[in-house]
Amino acid sequence: MTCRYNGWKNYETWAVSLWLDNDAGTSEYWRDAAREVLAGAEPTSQFTRIEEARFSLAERLKDELEEGIPCPDAGLYTDLLNAALGEVDWDEIAASYLEEITEDEVLDAVE
């Protein structure tokens, strides 16, 4: 049985998404990143342009947020934080940003 949390895959995914969206600067940064990634995405034989953009944005989200871990030294808190971040569905968060891009923004991204 799959348990969802406030419409998200799990608590960890919901919490990261909530924190990213609750700060105007951070929220706009990731919205801009979504538009940027979409503009540079190319379809492949296996994936659509949107899927490629989602994979790329998910990787960027994960990498940038993991780089910002405030306690990089090994220890209890680092282990707990890494365990929680390991549960985040970065793909779901990336998809939510890409879904918010309007048709006009998609056309602008391709031009």
C-alpha atoms as a PDB file:
ATOM      1  CA  MET A   1       0.000   0.000   0.000  1.00  0.00           C
ATOM      2  CA  THR A   2       1.292   3.428  -0.969  1.00  0.00           C
ATOM      3  CA  CYS A   3       0.895   6.129   1.651  1.00  0.00           C
ATOM      4  CA  ARG A   4       0.891   9.673   0.306  1.00  0.00           C
ATOM      5  CA  TYR A   5       1.399  12.799   2.352  1.00  0.00           C
ATOM      6  CA  ASN A   6      -0.610  15.920   1.458  1.00  0.00           C
ATOM      7  CA  GLY A   7      -0.691  14.804  -2.178  1.00  0.00           C
ATOM      8  CA  TRP A   8       3.041  14.008  -2.353  1.00  0.00           C
ATOM      9  CA  LYS A   9       4.797  10.633  -2.405  1.00  0.00           C
ATOM     10  CA  ASN A  10       5.870  10.930   1.232  1.00  0.00           C
ATOM     11  CA  TYR A  11       6.531  13.366   4.059  1.00  0.00           C
ATOM     12  CA  GLU A  12      10.128  14.042   3.003  1.00  0.00           C
ATOM     13  CA  THR A  13       9.102  15.025  -0.547  1.00  0.00           C
ATOM     14  CA  TRP A  14       6.285  17.201   0.768  1.00  0.00           C
ATOM     15  CA  ALA A  15       8.586  18.927   3.291  1.00  0.00           C
ATOM     16  CA  VAL A  16      11.276  19.744   0.695  1.00  0.00           C
ATOM     17  CA  SER A  17       8.688  21.050  -1.740  1.00  0.00           C
ATOM     18  CA  LEU A  18       7.044  23.119   0.995  1.00  0.00           C
ATOM     19  CA  TRP A  19      10.333  24.713   2.062  1.00  0.00           C
ATOM     20  CA  LEU A  20      11.331  25.454  -1.533  1.00  0.00           C
ATOM     21  CA  ASP A  21       7.999  27.133  -2.244  1.00  0.00           C
ATOM     22  CA  ASN A  22       7.683  29.047   1.052  1.00  0.00           C
ATOM     23  CA  ASP A  23      10.588  31.382   0.289  1.00  0.00           C
ATOM     24  CA  ALA A  24       9.870  33.729  -2.639  1.00  0.00           C
ATOM     25  CA  GLY A  25      13.489  33.912  -3.778  1.00  0.00           C
ATOM     26  CA  THR A  26      14.020  30.167  -3.636  1.00  0.00           C
ATOM     27  CA  SER A  27      10.710  29.487  -5.320  1.00  0.00           C
ATOM     28  CA  GLU A  28      11.493  31.848  -8.191  1.00  0.00           C
ATOM     29  CA  TYR A  29      15.011  30.405  -8.497  1.00  0.00           C
ATOM     30  CA  TRP A  30      13.610  26.908  -9.072  1.00  0.00           C
ATOM     31  CA  ARG A  31      10.886  28.166 -11.421  1.00  0.00           C
ATOM     32  CA  ASP A  32      13.598  29.883 -13.474  1.00  0.00           C
ATOM     33  CA  ALA A  33      15.686  26.702 -13.339  1.00  0.00           C
ATOM     34  CA  ALA A  34      12.711  24.710 -14.657  1.00  0.00           C
ATOM     35  CA  ARG A  35      12.294  27.108 -17.594  1.00  0.00           C
ATOM     36  CA  GLU A  36      16.057  27.013 -18.259  1.00  0.00           C
ATOM     37  CA  VAL A  37      16.221  23.222 -18.182  1.00  0.00           C
ATOM     38  CA  LEU A  38      13.174  22.941 -20.436  1.00  0.00           C
ATOM     39  CA  ALA A  39      14.716  25.348 -22.935  1.00  0.00           C
ATOM     40  CA  GLY A  40      17.827  23.166 -23.162  1.00  0.00           C
ATOM     41  CA  ALA A  41      16.098  19.792 -23.203  1.00  0.00           C
ATOM     42  CA  GLU A  42      16.067  17.714 -26.361  1.00  0.00           C
ATOM     43  CA  PRO A  43      13.938  14.640 -26.982  1.00  0.00           C
ATOM     44  CA  THR A  44      15.724  11.328 -27.378  1.00  0.00           C
ATOM     45  CA  SER A  45      14.676   8.025 -28.879  1.00  0.00           C
ATOM     46  CA  GLN A  46      13.452   6.952 -25.430  1.00  0.00           C
ATOM     47  CA  PHE A  47      12.230  10.129 -23.746  1.00  0.00           C
ATOM     48  CA  THR A  48      10.235  13.240 -24.612  1.00  0.00           C
ATOM     49  CA  ARG A  49      11.606  16.722 -24.161  1.00  0.00           C
ATOM     50  CA  ILE A  50       9.552  17.156 -20.978  1.00  0.00           C
ATOM     51  CA  GLU A  51      10.844  13.855 -19.561  1.00  0.00           C
ATOM     52  CA  GLU A  52      14.434  14.841 -20.297  1.00  0.00           C
ATOM     53  CA  ALA A  53      13.832  18.211 -18.626  1.00  0.00           C
ATOM     54  CA  ARG A  54      12.286  16.490 -15.597  1.00  0.00           C
ATOM     55  CA  PHE A  55      15.262  14.152 -15.202  1.00  0.00           C
ATOM     56  CA  SER A  56      17.715  17.035 -15.520  1.00  0.00           C
ATOM     57  CA  LEU A  57      15.852  19.304 -13.102  1.00  0.00           C
ATOM     58  CA  ALA A  58      15.454  16.471 -10.565  1.00  0.00           C
ATOM     59  CA  GLU A  59      19.202  15.846 -10.641  1.00  0.00           C
ATOM     60  CA  ARG A  60      19.922  19.559 -10.239  1.00  0.00           C
ATOM     61  CA  LEU A  61      17.511  19.842  -7.284  1.00  0.00           C
ATOM     62  CA  LYS A  62      19.101  16.856  -5.559  1.00  0.00           C
ATOM     63  CA  ASP A  63      22.676  17.971  -6.213  1.00  0.00           C
ATOM     64  CA  GLU A  64      22.196  21.583  -5.114  1.00  0.00           C
ATOM     65  CA  LEU A  65      20.244  20.731  -1.980  1.00  0.00           C
ATOM     66  CA  GLU A  66      22.657  17.987  -0.938  1.00  0.00           C
ATOM     67  CA  GLU A  67      25.592  20.375  -1.461  1.00  0.00           C
ATOM     68  CA  GLY A  68      23.969  22.756   1.015  1.00  0.00           C
ATOM     69  CA  ILE A  69      23.867  20.282   3.897  1.00  0.00           C
ATOM     70  CA  PRO A  70      24.845  22.389   6.913  1.00  0.00           C
ATOM     71  CA  CYS A  71      26.642  19.613   8.808  1.00  0.00           C
ATOM     72  CA  PRO A  72      28.872  17.806   6.290  1.00  0.00           C
ATOM     73  CA  ASP A  73      30.928  15.967   8.906  1.00  0.00           C
ATOM     74  CA  ALA A  74      29.963  12.410   9.753  1.00  0.00           C
ATOM     75  CA  GLY A  75      27.683  12.127  12.722  1.00  0.00           C
ATOM     76  CA  LEU A  76      24.189  11.416  13.952  1.00  0.00           C
ATOM     77  CA  TYR A  77      22.550  14.510  12.448  1.00  0.00           C
ATOM     78  CA  THR A  78      24.272  14.090   9.101  1.00  0.00           C
ATOM     79  CA  ASP A  79      23.168  10.462   8.937  1.00  0.00           C
ATOM     80  CA  LEU A  80      19.568  11.379   9.768  1.00  0.00           C
ATOM     81  CA  LEU A  81      19.518  14.241   7.271  1.00  0.00           C
ATOM     82  CA  ASN A  82      20.991  12.058   4.531  1.00  0.00           C
ATOM     83  CA  ALA A  83      18.436   9.334   5.289  1.00  0.00           C
ATOM     84  CA  ALA A  84      15.594  11.843   4.982  1.00  0.00           C
ATOM     85  CA  LEU A  85      16.972  13.332   1.749  1.00  0.00           C
ATOM     86  CA  GLY A  86      17.334   9.792   0.410  1.00  0.00           C
ATOM     87  CA  GLU A  87      13.559   9.419   0.663  1.00  0.00           C
ATOM     88  CA  VAL A  88      12.774  12.566  -1.342  1.00  0.00           C
ATOM     89  CA  ASP A  89      11.218  11.961  -4.755  1.00  0.00           C
ATOM     90  CA  TRP A  90      13.198  14.606  -6.644  1.00  0.00           C
ATOM     91  CA  ASP A  91      11.474  13.611  -9.875  1.00  0.00           C
ATOM     92  CA  GLU A  92       8.068  14.452  -8.400  1.00  0.00           C
ATOM     93  CA  ILE A  93       9.247  17.896  -7.277  1.00  0.00           C
ATOM     94  CA  ALA A  94      10.823  18.567 -10.681  1.00  0.00           C
ATOM     95  CA  ALA A  95       7.608  17.518 -12.412  1.00  0.00           C
ATOM     96  CA  SER A  96       5.610  19.932 -10.262  1.00  0.00           C
ATOM     97  CA  TYR A  97       7.806  22.852 -11.360  1.00  0.00           C
ATOM     98  CA  LEU A  98       7.602  21.863 -15.016  1.00  0.00           C
ATOM     99  CA  GLU A  99       3.814  21.483 -14.834  1.00  0.00           C
ATOM    100  CA  GLU A 100       3.547  25.133 -13.806  1.00  0.00           C
ATOM    101  CA  ILE A 101       5.225  26.377 -16.986  1.00  0.00           C
ATOM    102  CA  THR A 102       2.619  27.904 -19.301  1.00  0.00           C
ATOM    103  CA  GLU A 103       2.255  27.136 -23.006  1.00  0.00           C
ATOM    104  CA  ASP A 104       3.690  30.576 -23.835  1.00  0.00           C
ATOM    105  CA  GLU A 105       6.732  29.849 -21.683  1.00  0.00           C
ATOM    106  CA  VAL A 106       7.161  26.488 -23.455  1.00  0.00           C
ATOM    107  CA  LEU A 107       7.095  28.237 -26.833  1.00  0.00           C
ATOM    108  CA  ASP A 108       9.562  30.864 -25.581  1.00  0.00           C
ATOM    109  CA  ALA A 109      11.824  28.116 -24.223  1.00  0.00           C
ATOM    110  CA  VAL A 110      12.005  26.396 -27.598  1.00  0.00           C
ATOM    111  CA  GLU A 111      12.745  29.563 -29.599  1.00  0.00           C
END
